Structures are given as structure tokens and as C-alpha cells.
Amino acid sequence: MFLYIYVDYFHLYKPGAIDHIRSGVIFEFTISPTYLTIVLALVAIPALMILLSKTLPARANRTTNLIVAALEIPFAAINAAGESWDWASFYGLSIGIEVLILVFILRAAWTWPRATDGITR
């Protein structure tokens, strides 16, 4: 979650970024209620996953983590779409970290024991 926030915040330091926002454009997208709703939904996913991981039964938790992490990996790559090569290290590092975290989530969900201490939820 914090990775999203910091990448978006540091993006504001890119020359011309604030001018684009003032003109109604973020990256290549026109700022609109639909765009902002989609962005909010995408940013809400990590926060919801924390809540769901603490509240869902083990089987549902495992399945949810597998599905959401697998679907989020392509979205990580989309974040770099249209960016110039001089910003590749910034976006490459942020996307690389995000993908590593998602791969860890996939691996942890896939290999998580079915029951711990004889108790299942």
C-alpha cells in the first residue's frame, strides 16, 4: 500500500507532471469521475486484502490471496506503460519490488499449511 503512495508521490517530482495534472491528464489518462473511481478501486485492493486476510476462513483466505495476487501482477506492469526510458530505473525498481511482493504472496498462499495446530477456521 505504501509503495503505491510513494511511487505516486515521487512521480510529482517528474518535470511537467504537475502541469499535466493541472491540464486534466494523469499519465495518458484524462481525469474523470470514472478514472478516479477505477484508481480508488485499485488502490483499495491492498487495504482490503489486509482486512480479508485477518477475517476470512483459511480456505477462502488462501483462494482470495492466490486470485488477487495473480491478477495484480499484470497491473503492476501496466503502471510503466508510456513512460520514457530515462524514468525506467524509477519505475523498474518500484514495479520490481511490487512484483516480488506479489510473488511472495502467491508462494505463501500456495504453500500455506492446510491446518495449524489441528485447528482449522
PDB file of N, CA and C in Angstrom:
ATOM      1  N   MET A   1       0.822  -1.188   0.000  1.00  0.00           N
ATOM      2  CA  MET A   1       0.000   0.000   0.000  1.00  0.00           C
ATOM      3  C   MET A   1       0.867   1.253   0.000  1.00  0.00           C
ATOM      4  N   PHE A   2       1.875   1.270   0.878  1.00  0.00           N
ATOM      5  CA  PHE A   2       2.740   2.443   0.930  1.00  0.00           C
ATOM      6  C   PHE A   2       3.542   2.598  -0.349  1.00  0.00           C
ATOM      7  N   LEU A   3       3.854   1.489  -1.014  1.00  0.00           N
ATOM      8  CA  LEU A   3       4.581   1.562  -2.269  1.00  0.00           C
ATOM      9  C   LEU A   3       3.777   2.350  -3.303  1.00  0.00           C
ATOM     10  N   TYR A   4       2.465   2.093  -3.395  1.00  0.00           N
ATOM     11  CA  TYR A   4       1.608   2.867  -4.303  1.00  0.00           C
ATOM     12  C   TYR A   4       1.696   4.349  -3.975  1.00  0.00           C
ATOM     13  N   ILE A   5       1.563   4.665  -2.705  1.00  0.00           N
ATOM     14  CA  ILE A   5       1.526   6.070  -2.289  1.00  0.00           C
ATOM     15  C   ILE A   5       2.837   6.767  -2.619  1.00  0.00           C
ATOM     16  N   TYR A   6       3.959   6.146  -2.277  1.00  0.00           N
ATOM     17  CA  TYR A   6       5.246   6.794  -2.509  1.00  0.00           C
ATOM     18  C   TYR A   6       5.586   6.901  -3.981  1.00  0.00           C
ATOM     19  N   VAL A   7       5.276   5.889  -4.775  1.00  0.00           N
ATOM     20  CA  VAL A   7       5.539   5.981  -6.217  1.00  0.00           C
ATOM     21  C   VAL A   7       4.728   7.130  -6.818  1.00  0.00           C
ATOM     22  N   ASP A   8       3.456   7.211  -6.441  1.00  0.00           N
ATOM     23  CA  ASP A   8       2.634   8.317  -6.953  1.00  0.00           C
ATOM     24  C   ASP A   8       3.127   9.673  -6.452  1.00  0.00           C
ATOM     25  N   TYR A   9       3.559   9.722  -5.210  1.00  0.00           N
ATOM     26  CA  TYR A   9       4.073  10.984  -4.660  1.00  0.00           C
ATOM     27  C   TYR A   9       5.361  11.396  -5.367  1.00  0.00           C
ATOM     28  N   PHE A  10       6.308  10.479  -5.493  1.00  0.00           N
ATOM     29  CA  PHE A  10       7.583  10.811  -6.137  1.00  0.00           C
ATOM     30  C   PHE A  10       7.405  11.120  -7.623  1.00  0.00           C
ATOM     31  N   HIS A  11       6.345  10.588  -8.225  1.00  0.00           N
ATOM     32  CA  HIS A  11       6.058  10.908  -9.624  1.00  0.00           C
ATOM     33  C   HIS A  11       5.820  12.410  -9.797  1.00  0.00           C
ATOM     34  N   LEU A  12       5.333  13.072  -8.763  1.00  0.00           N
ATOM     35  CA  LEU A  12       5.079  14.512  -8.851  1.00  0.00           C
ATOM     36  C   LEU A  12       6.362  15.313  -9.073  1.00  0.00           C
ATOM     37  N   TYR A  13       7.519  14.725  -8.751  1.00  0.00           N
ATOM     38  CA  TYR A  13       8.795  15.397  -8.968  1.00  0.00           C
ATOM     39  C   TYR A  13       9.253  15.313 -10.422  1.00  0.00           C
ATOM     40  N   LYS A  14       8.596  14.479 -11.219  1.00  0.00           N
ATOM     41  CA  LYS A  14       8.954  14.368 -12.628  1.00  0.00           C
ATOM     42  C   LYS A  14       8.606  15.685 -13.317  1.00  0.00           C
ATOM     43  N   PRO A  15       9.537  16.242 -14.065  1.00  0.00           N
ATOM     44  CA  PRO A  15       9.263  17.528 -14.732  1.00  0.00           C
ATOM     45  C   PRO A  15       7.994  17.458 -15.588  1.00  0.00           C
ATOM     46  N   GLY A  16       7.119  18.427 -15.385  1.00  0.00           N
ATOM     47  CA  GLY A  16       5.891  18.526 -16.160  1.00  0.00           C
ATOM     48  C   GLY A  16       4.712  17.756 -15.584  1.00  0.00           C
ATOM     49  N   ALA A  17       4.925  16.947 -14.557  1.00  0.00           N
ATOM     50  CA  ALA A  17       3.839  16.125 -14.007  1.00  0.00           C
ATOM     51  C   ALA A  17       2.713  16.988 -13.446  1.00  0.00           C
ATOM     52  N   ILE A  18       3.058  17.999 -12.698  1.00  0.00           N
ATOM     53  CA  ILE A  18       2.024  18.846 -12.091  1.00  0.00           C
ATOM     54  C   ILE A  18       1.292  19.645 -13.170  1.00  0.00           C
ATOM     55  N   ASP A  19       2.020  20.073 -14.197  1.00  0.00           N
ATOM     56  CA  ASP A  19       1.362  20.782 -15.308  1.00  0.00           C
ATOM     57  C   ASP A  19       0.351  19.871 -16.008  1.00  0.00           C
ATOM     58  N   HIS A  20       0.701  18.594 -16.187  1.00  0.00           N
ATOM     59  CA  HIS A  20      -0.241  17.643 -16.797  1.00  0.00           C
ATOM     60  C   HIS A  20      -1.477  17.469 -15.920  1.00  0.00           C
ATOM     61  N   ILE A  21      -1.272  17.360 -14.611  1.00  0.00           N
ATOM     62  CA  ILE A  21      -2.410  17.203 -13.698  1.00  0.00           C
ATOM     63  C   ILE A  21      -3.309  18.432 -13.768  1.00  0.00           C
ATOM     64  N   ARG A  22      -2.696  19.607 -13.777  1.00  0.00           N
ATOM     65  CA  ARG A  22      -3.484  20.844 -13.873  1.00  0.00           C
ATOM     66  C   ARG A  22      -4.264  20.934 -15.176  1.00  0.00           C
ATOM     67  N   SER A  23      -3.735  20.315 -16.233  1.00  0.00           N
ATOM     68  CA  SER A  23      -4.444  20.342 -17.518  1.00  0.00           C
ATOM     69  C   SER A  23      -5.474  19.216 -17.625  1.00  0.00           C
ATOM     70  N   GLY A  24      -5.586  18.399 -16.562  1.00  0.00           N
ATOM     71  CA  GLY A  24      -6.614  17.359 -16.554  1.00  0.00           C
ATOM     72  C   GLY A  24      -6.153  16.005 -17.045  1.00  0.00           C
ATOM     73  N   VAL A  25      -4.836  15.756 -17.042  1.00  0.00           N
ATOM     74  CA  VAL A  25      -4.307  14.489 -17.532  1.00  0.00           C
ATOM     75  C   VAL A  25      -3.364  13.892 -16.485  1.00  0.00           C
ATOM     76  N   ILE A  26      -3.544  12.611 -16.210  1.00  0.00           N
ATOM     77  CA  ILE A  26      -2.611  11.866 -15.356  1.00  0.00           C
ATOM     78  C   ILE A  26      -2.062  10.744 -16.217  1.00  0.00           C
ATOM     79  N   PHE A  27      -0.746  10.698 -16.333  1.00  0.00           N
ATOM     80  CA  PHE A  27      -0.075   9.778 -17.260  1.00  0.00           C
ATOM     81  C   PHE A  27      -0.676  10.022 -18.645  1.00  0.00           C
ATOM     82  N   GLU A  28      -1.382   9.074 -19.190  1.00  0.00           N
ATOM     83  CA  GLU A  28      -2.019   9.245 -20.506  1.00  0.00           C
ATOM     84  C   GLU A  28      -3.538   9.330 -20.385  1.00  0.00           C
ATOM     85  N   PHE A  29      -4.060   9.377 -19.161  1.00  0.00           N
ATOM     86  CA  PHE A  29      -5.495   9.288 -18.940  1.00  0.00           C
ATOM     87  C   PHE A  29      -6.085  10.637 -18.551  1.00  0.00           C
ATOM     88  N   THR A  30      -7.240  10.942 -19.127  1.00  0.00           N
ATOM     89  CA  THR A  30      -7.966  12.155 -18.769  1.00  0.00           C
ATOM     90  C   THR A  30      -8.599  11.964 -17.394  1.00  0.00           C
ATOM     91  N   ILE A  31      -8.451  12.956 -16.538  1.00  0.00           N
ATOM     92  CA  ILE A  31      -9.034  12.875 -15.202  1.00  0.00           C
ATOM     93  C   ILE A  31     -10.545  13.013 -15.334  1.00  0.00           C
ATOM     94  N   SER A  32     -11.249  12.000 -14.839  1.00  0.00           N
ATOM     95  CA  SER A  32     -12.712  11.996 -14.897  1.00  0.00           C
ATOM     96  C   SER A  32     -13.221  11.228 -13.681  1.00  0.00           C
ATOM     97  N   PRO A  33     -14.514  11.317 -13.379  1.00  0.00           N
ATOM     98  CA  PRO A  33     -15.043  10.532 -12.260  1.00  0.00           C
ATOM     99  C   PRO A  33     -14.816   9.028 -12.455  1.00  0.00           C
ATOM    100  N   THR A  34     -14.943   8.553 -13.693  1.00  0.00           N
ATOM    101  CA  THR A  34     -14.715   7.126 -13.966  1.00  0.00           C
ATOM    102  C   THR A  34     -13.269   6.756 -13.685  1.00  0.00           C
ATOM    103  N   TYR A  35     -12.331   7.561 -14.177  1.00  0.00           N
ATOM    104  CA  TYR A  35     -10.907   7.301 -13.940  1.00  0.00           C
ATOM    105  C   TYR A  35     -10.608   7.272 -12.442  1.00  0.00           C
ATOM    106  N   LEU A  36     -11.099   8.263 -11.712  1.00  0.00           N
ATOM    107  CA  LEU A  36     -10.820   8.327 -10.276  1.00  0.00           C
ATOM    108  C   LEU A  36     -11.449   7.154  -9.524  1.00  0.00           C
ATOM    109  N   THR A  37     -12.622   6.705  -9.956  1.00  0.00           N
ATOM    110  CA  THR A  37     -13.260   5.543  -9.332  1.00  0.00           C
ATOM    111  C   THR A  37     -12.428   4.287  -9.555  1.00  0.00           C
ATOM    112  N   ILE A  38     -11.920   4.103 -10.770  1.00  0.00           N
ATOM    113  CA  ILE A  38     -11.078   2.936 -11.072  1.00  0.00           C
ATOM    114  C   ILE A  38      -9.792   2.984 -10.257  1.00  0.00           C
ATOM    115  N   VAL A  39      -9.166   4.147 -10.183  1.00  0.00           N
ATOM    116  CA  VAL A  39      -7.929   4.289  -9.409  1.00  0.00           C
ATOM    117  C   VAL A  39      -8.190   4.000  -7.924  1.00  0.00           C
ATOM    118  N   LEU A  40      -9.290   4.511  -7.404  1.00  0.00           N
ATOM    119  CA  LEU A  40      -9.628   4.249  -5.999  1.00  0.00           C
ATOM    120  C   LEU A  40      -9.831   2.754  -5.756  1.00  0.00           C
ATOM    121  N   ALA A  41     -10.514   2.088  -6.674  1.00  0.00           N
ATOM    122  CA  ALA A  41     -10.737   0.644  -6.531  1.00  0.00           C
ATOM    123  C   ALA A  41      -9.405  -0.105  -6.547  1.00  0.00           C
ATOM    124  N   LEU A  42      -8.492   0.274  -7.430  1.00  0.00           N
ATOM    125  CA  LEU A  42      -7.192  -0.402  -7.494  1.00  0.00           C
ATOM    126  C   LEU A  42      -6.357  -0.160  -6.244  1.00  0.00           C
ATOM    127  N   VAL A  43      -6.408   1.054  -5.718  1.00  0.00           N
ATOM    128  CA  VAL A  43      -5.637   1.372  -4.510  1.00  0.00           C
ATOM    129  C   VAL A  43      -6.265   0.741  -3.273  1.00  0.00           C
ATOM    130  N   ALA A  44      -7.586   0.518  -3.299  1.00  0.00           N
ATOM    131  CA  ALA A  44      -8.265  -0.082  -2.149  1.00  0.00           C
ATOM    132  C   ALA A  44      -7.968  -1.573  -2.006  1.00  0.00           C
ATOM    133  N   ILE A  45      -7.558  -2.223  -3.082  1.00  0.00           N
ATOM    134  CA  ILE A  45      -7.335  -3.669  -3.044  1.00  0.00           C
ATOM    135  C   ILE A  45      -6.319  -4.076  -1.968  1.00  0.00           C
ATOM    136  N   PRO A  46      -5.125  -3.450  -1.877  1.00  0.00           N
ATOM    137  CA  PRO A  46      -4.188  -3.867  -0.820  1.00  0.00           C
ATOM    138  C   PRO A  46      -4.756  -3.691   0.599  1.00  0.00           C
ATOM    139  N   ALA A  47      -5.475  -2.592   0.820  1.00  0.00           N
ATOM    140  CA  ALA A  47      -6.066  -2.375   2.148  1.00  0.00           C
ATOM    141  C   ALA A  47      -7.128  -3.425   2.447  1.00  0.00           C
ATOM    142  N   LEU A  48      -7.959  -3.724   1.462  1.00  0.00           N
ATOM    143  CA  LEU A  48      -8.986  -4.757   1.661  1.00  0.00           C
ATOM    144  C   LEU A  48      -8.372  -6.129   1.881  1.00  0.00           C
ATOM    145  N   MET A  49      -7.248  -6.401   1.217  1.00  0.00           N
ATOM    146  CA  MET A  49      -6.609  -7.710   1.389  1.00  0.00           C
ATOM    147  C   MET A  49      -6.082  -7.888   2.805  1.00  0.00           C
ATOM    148  N   ILE A  50      -5.633  -6.825   3.426  1.00  0.00           N
ATOM    149  CA  ILE A  50      -5.201  -6.925   4.822  1.00  0.00           C
ATOM    150  C   ILE A  50      -6.390  -7.289   5.694  1.00  0.00           C
ATOM    151  N   LEU A  51      -7.490  -6.590   5.508  1.00  0.00           N
ATOM    152  CA  LEU A  51      -8.703  -6.879   6.273  1.00  0.00           C
ATOM    153  C   LEU A  51      -9.184  -8.301   6.010  1.00  0.00           C
ATOM    154  N   LEU A  52      -9.282  -8.688   4.747  1.00  0.00           N
ATOM    155  CA  LEU A  52      -9.777 -10.023   4.408  1.00  0.00           C
ATOM    156  C   LEU A  52      -8.850 -11.124   4.920  1.00  0.00           C
ATOM    157  N   SER A  53      -7.539 -10.888   4.893  1.00  0.00           N
ATOM    158  CA  SER A  53      -6.595 -11.894   5.382  1.00  0.00           C
ATOM    159  C   SER A  53      -6.760 -12.154   6.878  1.00  0.00           C
ATOM    160  N   LYS A  54      -7.228 -11.155   7.594  1.00  0.00           N
ATOM    161  CA  LYS A  54      -7.435 -11.318   9.035  1.00  0.00           C
ATOM    162  C   LYS A  54      -8.816 -11.861   9.379  1.00  0.00           C
ATOM    163  N   THR A  55      -9.777 -11.752   8.462  1.00  0.00           N
ATOM    164  CA  THR A  55     -11.154 -12.105   8.809  1.00  0.00           C
ATOM    165  C   THR A  55     -11.712 -13.330   8.085  1.00  0.00           C
ATOM    166  N   LEU A  56     -11.199 -13.652   6.912  1.00  0.00           N
ATOM    167  CA  LEU A  56     -11.741 -14.790   6.165  1.00  0.00           C
ATOM    168  C   LEU A  56     -11.297 -16.123   6.768  1.00  0.00           C
ATOM    169  N   PRO A  57     -12.080 -17.159   6.595  1.00  0.00           N
ATOM    170  CA  PRO A  57     -11.620 -18.507   6.966  1.00  0.00           C
ATOM    171  C   PRO A  57     -10.401 -18.884   6.119  1.00  0.00           C
ATOM    172  N   ALA A  58      -9.602 -19.818   6.595  1.00  0.00           N
ATOM    173  CA  ALA A  58      -8.323 -20.158   5.963  1.00  0.00           C
ATOM    174  C   ALA A  58      -8.476 -20.523   4.490  1.00  0.00           C
ATOM    175  N   ARG A  59      -9.427 -21.357   4.138  1.00  0.00           N
ATOM    176  CA  ARG A  59      -9.583 -21.778   2.743  1.00  0.00           C
ATOM    177  C   ARG A  59      -9.931 -20.592   1.842  1.00  0.00           C
ATOM    178  N   ALA A  60     -10.865 -19.772   2.264  1.00  0.00           N
ATOM    179  CA  ALA A  60     -11.259 -18.600   1.480  1.00  0.00           C
ATOM    180  C   ALA A  60     -10.110 -17.595   1.402  1.00  0.00           C
ATOM    181  N   ASN A  61      -9.364 -17.453   2.484  1.00  0.00           N
ATOM    182  CA  ASN A  61      -8.220 -16.547   2.528  1.00  0.00           C
ATOM    183  C   ASN A  61      -7.166 -16.983   1.508  1.00  0.00           C
ATOM    184  N   ARG A  62      -6.857 -18.262   1.498  1.00  0.00           N
ATOM    185  CA  ARG A  62      -5.861 -18.803   0.566  1.00  0.00           C
ATOM    186  C   ARG A  62      -6.298 -18.561  -0.875  1.00  0.00           C
ATOM    187  N   THR A  63      -7.531 -18.891  -1.184  1.00  0.00           N
ATOM    188  CA  THR A  63      -8.051 -18.718  -2.545  1.00  0.00           C
ATOM    189  C   THR A  63      -8.043 -17.249  -2.951  1.00  0.00           C
ATOM    190  N   THR A  64      -8.496 -16.380  -2.070  1.00  0.00           N
ATOM    191  CA  THR A  64      -8.537 -14.945  -2.361  1.00  0.00           C
ATOM    192  C   THR A  64      -7.139 -14.400  -2.620  1.00  0.00           C
ATOM    193  N   ASN A  65      -6.175 -14.775  -1.793  1.00  0.00           N
ATOM    194  CA  ASN A  65      -4.802 -14.310  -1.987  1.00  0.00           C
ATOM    195  C   ASN A  65      -4.225 -14.804  -3.299  1.00  0.00           C
ATOM    196  N   LEU A  66      -4.490 -16.047  -3.665  1.00  0.00           N
ATOM    197  CA  LEU A  66      -3.993 -16.574  -4.935  1.00  0.00           C
ATOM    198  C   LEU A  66      -4.586 -15.814  -6.122  1.00  0.00           C
ATOM    199  N   ILE A  67      -5.883 -15.580  -6.093  1.00  0.00           N
ATOM    200  CA  ILE A  67      -6.550 -14.910  -7.217  1.00  0.00           C
ATOM    201  C   ILE A  67      -6.122 -13.449  -7.316  1.00  0.00           C
ATOM    202  N   VAL A  68      -6.184 -12.735  -6.213  1.00  0.00           N
ATOM    203  CA  VAL A  68      -5.889 -11.295  -6.253  1.00  0.00           C
ATOM    204  C   VAL A  68      -4.422 -11.047  -6.597  1.00  0.00           C
ATOM    205  N   ALA A  69      -3.495 -11.790  -6.008  1.00  0.00           N
ATOM    206  CA  ALA A  69      -2.073 -11.590  -6.318  1.00  0.00           C
ATOM    207  C   ALA A  69      -1.790 -11.895  -7.782  1.00  0.00           C
ATOM    208  N   ALA A  70      -2.390 -12.961  -8.323  1.00  0.00           N
ATOM    209  CA  ALA A  70      -2.188 -13.300  -9.734  1.00  0.00           C
ATOM    210  C   ALA A  70      -2.746 -12.215 -10.659  1.00  0.00           C
ATOM    211  N   LEU A  71      -3.870 -11.611 -10.290  1.00  0.00           N
ATOM    212  CA  LEU A  71      -4.461 -10.559 -11.116  1.00  0.00           C
ATOM    213  C   LEU A  71      -3.719  -9.229 -10.992  1.00  0.00           C
ATOM    214  N   GLU A  72      -3.072  -8.993  -9.865  1.00  0.00           N
ATOM    215  CA  GLU A  72      -2.373  -7.725  -9.635  1.00  0.00           C
ATOM    216  C   GLU A  72      -1.039  -7.648 -10.379  1.00  0.00           C
ATOM    217  N   ILE A  73      -0.403  -8.784 -10.662  1.00  0.00           N
ATOM    218  CA  ILE A  73       0.904  -8.762 -11.330  1.00  0.00           C
ATOM    219  C   ILE A  73       0.837  -8.054 -12.687  1.00  0.00           C
ATOM    220  N   PRO A  74      -0.140  -8.360 -13.560  1.00  0.00           N
ATOM    221  CA  PRO A  74      -0.198  -7.610 -14.825  1.00  0.00           C
ATOM    222  C   PRO A  74      -0.454  -6.112 -14.631  1.00  0.00           C
ATOM    223  N   PHE A  75      -1.228  -5.741 -13.622  1.00  0.00           N
ATOM    224  CA  PHE A  75      -1.483  -4.320 -13.362  1.00  0.00           C
ATOM    225  C   PHE A  75      -0.207  -3.600 -12.963  1.00  0.00           C
ATOM    226  N   ALA A  76       0.713  -4.309 -12.317  1.00  0.00           N
ATOM    227  CA  ALA A  76       1.988  -3.698 -11.946  1.00  0.00           C
ATOM    228  C   ALA A  76       2.752  -3.286 -13.198  1.00  0.00           C
ATOM    229  N   ALA A  77       2.736  -4.129 -14.213  1.00  0.00           N
ATOM    230  CA  ALA A  77       3.442  -3.814 -15.452  1.00  0.00           C
ATOM    231  C   ALA A  77       2.773  -2.680 -16.209  1.00  0.00           C
ATOM    232  N   ILE A  78       1.465  -2.571 -16.127  1.00  0.00           N
ATOM    233  CA  ILE A  78       0.730  -1.517 -16.822  1.00  0.00           C
ATOM    234  C   ILE A  78       1.127  -0.143 -16.290  1.00  0.00           C
ATOM    235  N   ASN A  79       1.552  -0.084 -15.024  1.00  0.00           N
ATOM    236  CA  ASN A  79       1.933   1.196 -14.432  1.00  0.00           C
ATOM    237  C   ASN A  79       3.068   1.882 -15.185  1.00  0.00           C
ATOM    238  N   ALA A  80       3.898   1.119 -15.884  1.00  0.00           N
ATOM    239  CA  ALA A  80       5.028   1.713 -16.598  1.00  0.00           C
ATOM    240  C   ALA A  80       4.690   2.054 -18.043  1.00  0.00           C
ATOM    241  N   ALA A  81       3.481   1.744 -18.466  1.00  0.00           N
ATOM    242  CA  ALA A  81       3.104   1.976 -19.871  1.00  0.00           C
ATOM    243  C   ALA A  81       3.248   3.440 -20.229  1.00  0.00           C
ATOM    244  N   GLY A  82       3.900   3.683 -21.326  1.00  0.00           N
ATOM    245  CA  GLY A  82       4.029   5.046 -21.835  1.00  0.00           C
ATOM    246  C   GLY A  82       5.121   5.880 -21.194  1.00  0.00           C
ATOM    247  N   GLU A  83       5.857   5.319 -20.262  1.00  0.00           N
ATOM    248  CA  GLU A  83       6.922   6.100 -19.620  1.00  0.00           C
ATOM    249  C   GLU A  83       8.198   6.056 -20.456  1.00  0.00           C
ATOM    250  N   SER A  84       8.968   7.120 -20.394  1.00  0.00           N
ATOM    251  CA  SER A  84      10.203   7.206 -21.169  1.00  0.00           C
ATOM    252  C   SER A  84      11.316   6.412 -20.492  1.00  0.00           C
ATOM    253  N   TRP A  85      12.319   6.069 -21.278  1.00  0.00           N
ATOM    254  CA  TRP A  85      13.419   5.245 -20.774  1.00  0.00           C
ATOM    255  C   TRP A  85      14.223   5.945 -19.690  1.00  0.00           C
ATOM    256  N   ASP A  86      14.253   7.270 -19.676  1.00  0.00           N
ATOM    257  CA  ASP A  86      15.030   7.945 -18.642  1.00  0.00           C
ATOM    258  C   ASP A  86      14.405   7.774 -17.253  1.00  0.00           C
ATOM    259  N   TRP A  87      13.154   7.332 -17.201  1.00  0.00           N
ATOM    260  CA  TRP A  87      12.492   7.056 -15.928  1.00  0.00           C
ATOM    261  C   TRP A  87      12.399   5.557 -15.667  1.00  0.00           C
ATOM    262  N   ALA A  88      13.025   4.758 -16.509  1.00  0.00           N
ATOM    263  CA  ALA A  88      12.906   3.300 -16.406  1.00  0.00           C
ATOM    264  C   ALA A  88      13.426   2.767 -15.076  1.00  0.00           C
ATOM    265  N   SER A  89      14.506   3.337 -14.545  1.00  0.00           N
ATOM    266  CA  SER A  89      15.048   2.816 -13.283  1.00  0.00           C
ATOM    267  C   SER A  89      14.078   3.050 -12.128  1.00  0.00           C
ATOM    268  N   PHE A  90      13.445   4.221 -12.102  1.00  0.00           N
ATOM    269  CA  PHE A  90      12.474   4.528 -11.040  1.00  0.00           C
ATOM    270  C   PHE A  90      11.287   3.580 -11.115  1.00  0.00           C
ATOM    271  N   TYR A  91      10.672   3.488 -12.296  1.00  0.00           N
ATOM    272  CA  TYR A  91       9.500   2.630 -12.441  1.00  0.00           C
ATOM    273  C   TYR A  91       9.888   1.156 -12.391  1.00  0.00           C
ATOM    274  N   GLY A  92      11.053   0.825 -12.944  1.00  0.00           N
ATOM    275  CA  GLY A  92      11.510  -0.567 -12.902  1.00  0.00           C
ATOM    276  C   GLY A  92      11.709  -1.057 -11.483  1.00  0.00           C
ATOM    277  N   LEU A  93      12.318  -0.225 -10.649  1.00  0.00           N
ATOM    278  CA  LEU A  93      12.530  -0.612  -9.256  1.00  0.00           C
ATOM    279  C   LEU A  93      11.203  -0.742  -8.515  1.00  0.00           C
ATOM    280  N   SER A  94      10.314   0.228  -8.693  1.00  0.00           N
ATOM    281  CA  SER A  94       9.035   0.164  -7.971  1.00  0.00           C
ATOM    282  C   SER A  94       8.200  -1.024  -8.433  1.00  0.00           C
ATOM    283  N   ILE A  95       8.166  -1.274  -9.732  1.00  0.00           N
ATOM    284  CA  ILE A  95       7.397  -2.409 -10.251  1.00  0.00           C
ATOM    285  C   ILE A  95       8.061  -3.716  -9.845  1.00  0.00           C
ATOM    286  N   GLY A  96       9.388  -3.752  -9.872  1.00  0.00           N
ATOM    287  CA  GLY A  96      10.103  -4.958  -9.448  1.00  0.00           C
ATOM    288  C   GLY A  96       9.805  -5.322  -8.004  1.00  0.00           C
ATOM    289  N   ILE A  97       9.819  -4.335  -7.127  1.00  0.00           N
ATOM    290  CA  ILE A  97       9.504  -4.587  -5.715  1.00  0.00           C
ATOM    291  C   ILE A  97       8.067  -5.064  -5.571  1.00  0.00           C
ATOM    292  N   GLU A  98       7.149  -4.412  -6.283  1.00  0.00           N
ATOM    293  CA  GLU A  98       5.743  -4.807  -6.207  1.00  0.00           C
ATOM    294  C   GLU A  98       5.548  -6.250  -6.687  1.00  0.00           C
ATOM    295  N   VAL A  99       6.175  -6.607  -7.798  1.00  0.00           N
ATOM    296  CA  VAL A  99       6.041  -7.970  -8.325  1.00  0.00           C
ATOM    297  C   VAL A  99       6.662  -8.976  -7.364  1.00  0.00           C
ATOM    298  N   LEU A 100       7.808  -8.654  -6.770  1.00  0.00           N
ATOM    299  CA  LEU A 100       8.412  -9.562  -5.791  1.00  0.00           C
ATOM    300  C   LEU A 100       7.487  -9.804  -4.603  1.00  0.00           C
ATOM    301  N   ILE A 101       6.848  -8.754  -4.118  1.00  0.00           N
ATOM    302  CA  ILE A 101       5.905  -8.903  -3.008  1.00  0.00           C
ATOM    303  C   ILE A 101       4.726  -9.773  -3.428  1.00  0.00           C
ATOM    304  N   LEU A 102       4.201  -9.549  -4.630  1.00  0.00           N
ATOM    305  CA  LEU A 102       3.074 -10.350  -5.103  1.00  0.00           C
ATOM    306  C   LEU A 102       3.462 -11.808  -5.314  1.00  0.00           C
ATOM    307  N   VAL A 103       4.669 -12.058  -5.810  1.00  0.00           N
ATOM    308  CA  VAL A 103       5.143 -13.442  -5.970  1.00  0.00           C
ATOM    309  C   VAL A 103       5.284 -14.098  -4.602  1.00  0.00           C
ATOM    310  N   PHE A 104       5.787 -13.354  -3.618  1.00  0.00           N
ATOM    311  CA  PHE A 104       5.877 -13.905  -2.263  1.00  0.00           C
ATOM    312  C   PHE A 104       4.488 -14.260  -1.730  1.00  0.00           C
ATOM    313  N   ILE A 105       3.512 -13.392  -1.964  1.00  0.00           N
ATOM    314  CA  ILE A 105       2.135 -13.665  -1.523  1.00  0.00           C
ATOM    315  C   ILE A 105       1.604 -14.916  -2.201  1.00  0.00           C
ATOM    316  N   LEU A 106       1.834 -15.033  -3.514  1.00  0.00           N
ATOM    317  CA  LEU A 106       1.404 -16.238  -4.232  1.00  0.00           C
ATOM    318  C   LEU A 106       2.049 -17.490  -3.650  1.00  0.00           C
ATOM    319  N   ARG A 107       3.362 -17.437  -3.428  1.00  0.00           N
ATOM    320  CA  ARG A 107       4.078 -18.605  -2.882  1.00  0.00           C
ATOM    321  C   ARG A 107       3.587 -18.935  -1.476  1.00  0.00           C
ATOM    322  N   ALA A 108       3.426 -17.914  -0.647  1.00  0.00           N
ATOM    323  CA  ALA A 108       2.973 -18.152   0.727  1.00  0.00           C
ATOM    324  C   ALA A 108       1.566 -18.736   0.749  1.00  0.00           C
ATOM    325  N   ALA A 109       0.681 -18.220  -0.100  1.00  0.00           N
ATOM    326  CA  ALA A 109      -0.690 -18.737  -0.143  1.00  0.00           C
ATOM    327  C   ALA A 109      -0.709 -20.161  -0.681  1.00  0.00           C
ATOM    328  N   TRP A 110       0.124 -20.438  -1.671  1.00  0.00           N
ATOM    329  CA  TRP A 110       0.146 -21.769  -2.283  1.00  0.00           C
ATOM    330  C   TRP A 110       0.703 -22.821  -1.320  1.00  0.00           C
ATOM    331  N   THR A 111       1.734 -22.460  -0.550  1.00  0.00           N
ATOM    332  CA  THR A 111       2.405 -23.434   0.323  1.00  0.00           C
ATOM    333  C   THR A 111       1.917 -23.389   1.759  1.00  0.00           C
ATOM    334  N   TRP A 112       0.975 -22.533   2.082  1.00  0.00           N
ATOM    335  CA  TRP A 112       0.491 -22.402   3.452  1.00  0.00           C
ATOM    336  C   TRP A 112      -0.116 -23.725   3.914  1.00  0.00           C
ATOM    337  N   PRO A 113       0.204 -24.171   5.117  1.00  0.00           N
ATOM    338  CA  PRO A 113      -0.351 -25.435   5.601  1.00  0.00           C
ATOM    339  C   PRO A 113      -1.881 -25.388   5.651  1.00  0.00           C
ATOM    340  N   ARG A 114      -2.496 -26.508   5.381  1.00  0.00           N
ATOM    341  CA  ARG A 114      -3.965 -26.573   5.379  1.00  0.00           C
ATOM    342  C   ARG A 114      -4.532 -26.387   6.784  1.00  0.00           C
ATOM    343  N   ALA A 115      -3.821 -26.857   7.790  1.00  0.00           N
ATOM    344  CA  ALA A 115      -4.264 -26.714   9.183  1.00  0.00           C
ATOM    345  C   ALA A 115      -3.043 -26.477  10.060  1.00  0.00           C
ATOM    346  N   THR A 116      -3.201 -25.650  11.088  1.00  0.00           N
ATOM    347  CA  THR A 116      -2.113 -25.412  12.031  1.00  0.00           C
ATOM    348  C   THR A 116      -2.592 -25.786  13.422  1.00  0.00           C
ATOM    349  N   ASP A 117      -1.766 -26.528  14.120  1.00  0.00           N
ATOM    350  CA  ASP A 117      -2.084 -26.968  15.477  1.00  0.00           C
ATOM    351  C   ASP A 117      -3.405 -27.725  15.544  1.00  0.00           C
ATOM    352  N   GLY A 118      -3.781 -28.376  14.461  1.00  0.00           N
ATOM    353  CA  GLY A 118      -5.013 -29.142  14.455  1.00  0.00           C
ATOM    354  C   GLY A 118      -6.277 -28.285  14.428  1.00  0.00           C
ATOM    355  N   ILE A 119      -6.118 -26.982  14.272  1.00  0.00           N
ATOM    356  CA  ILE A 119      -7.277 -26.089  14.274  1.00  0.00           C
ATOM    357  C   ILE A 119      -7.462 -25.544  12.864  1.00  0.00           C
ATOM    358  N   THR A 120      -8.661 -25.635  12.337  1.00  0.00           N
ATOM    359  CA  THR A 120      -8.952 -25.017  11.059  1.00  0.00           C
ATOM    360  C   THR A 120     -10.056 -23.982  11.265  1.00  0.00           C
ATOM    361  N   ARG A 121     -10.001 -22.956  10.454  1.00  0.00           N
ATOM    362  CA  ARG A 121     -11.035 -21.922  10.567  1.00  0.00           C
ATOM    363  C   ARG A 121     -12.018 -22.050   9.437  1.00  0.00           C
TER     364      ARG A 121
END
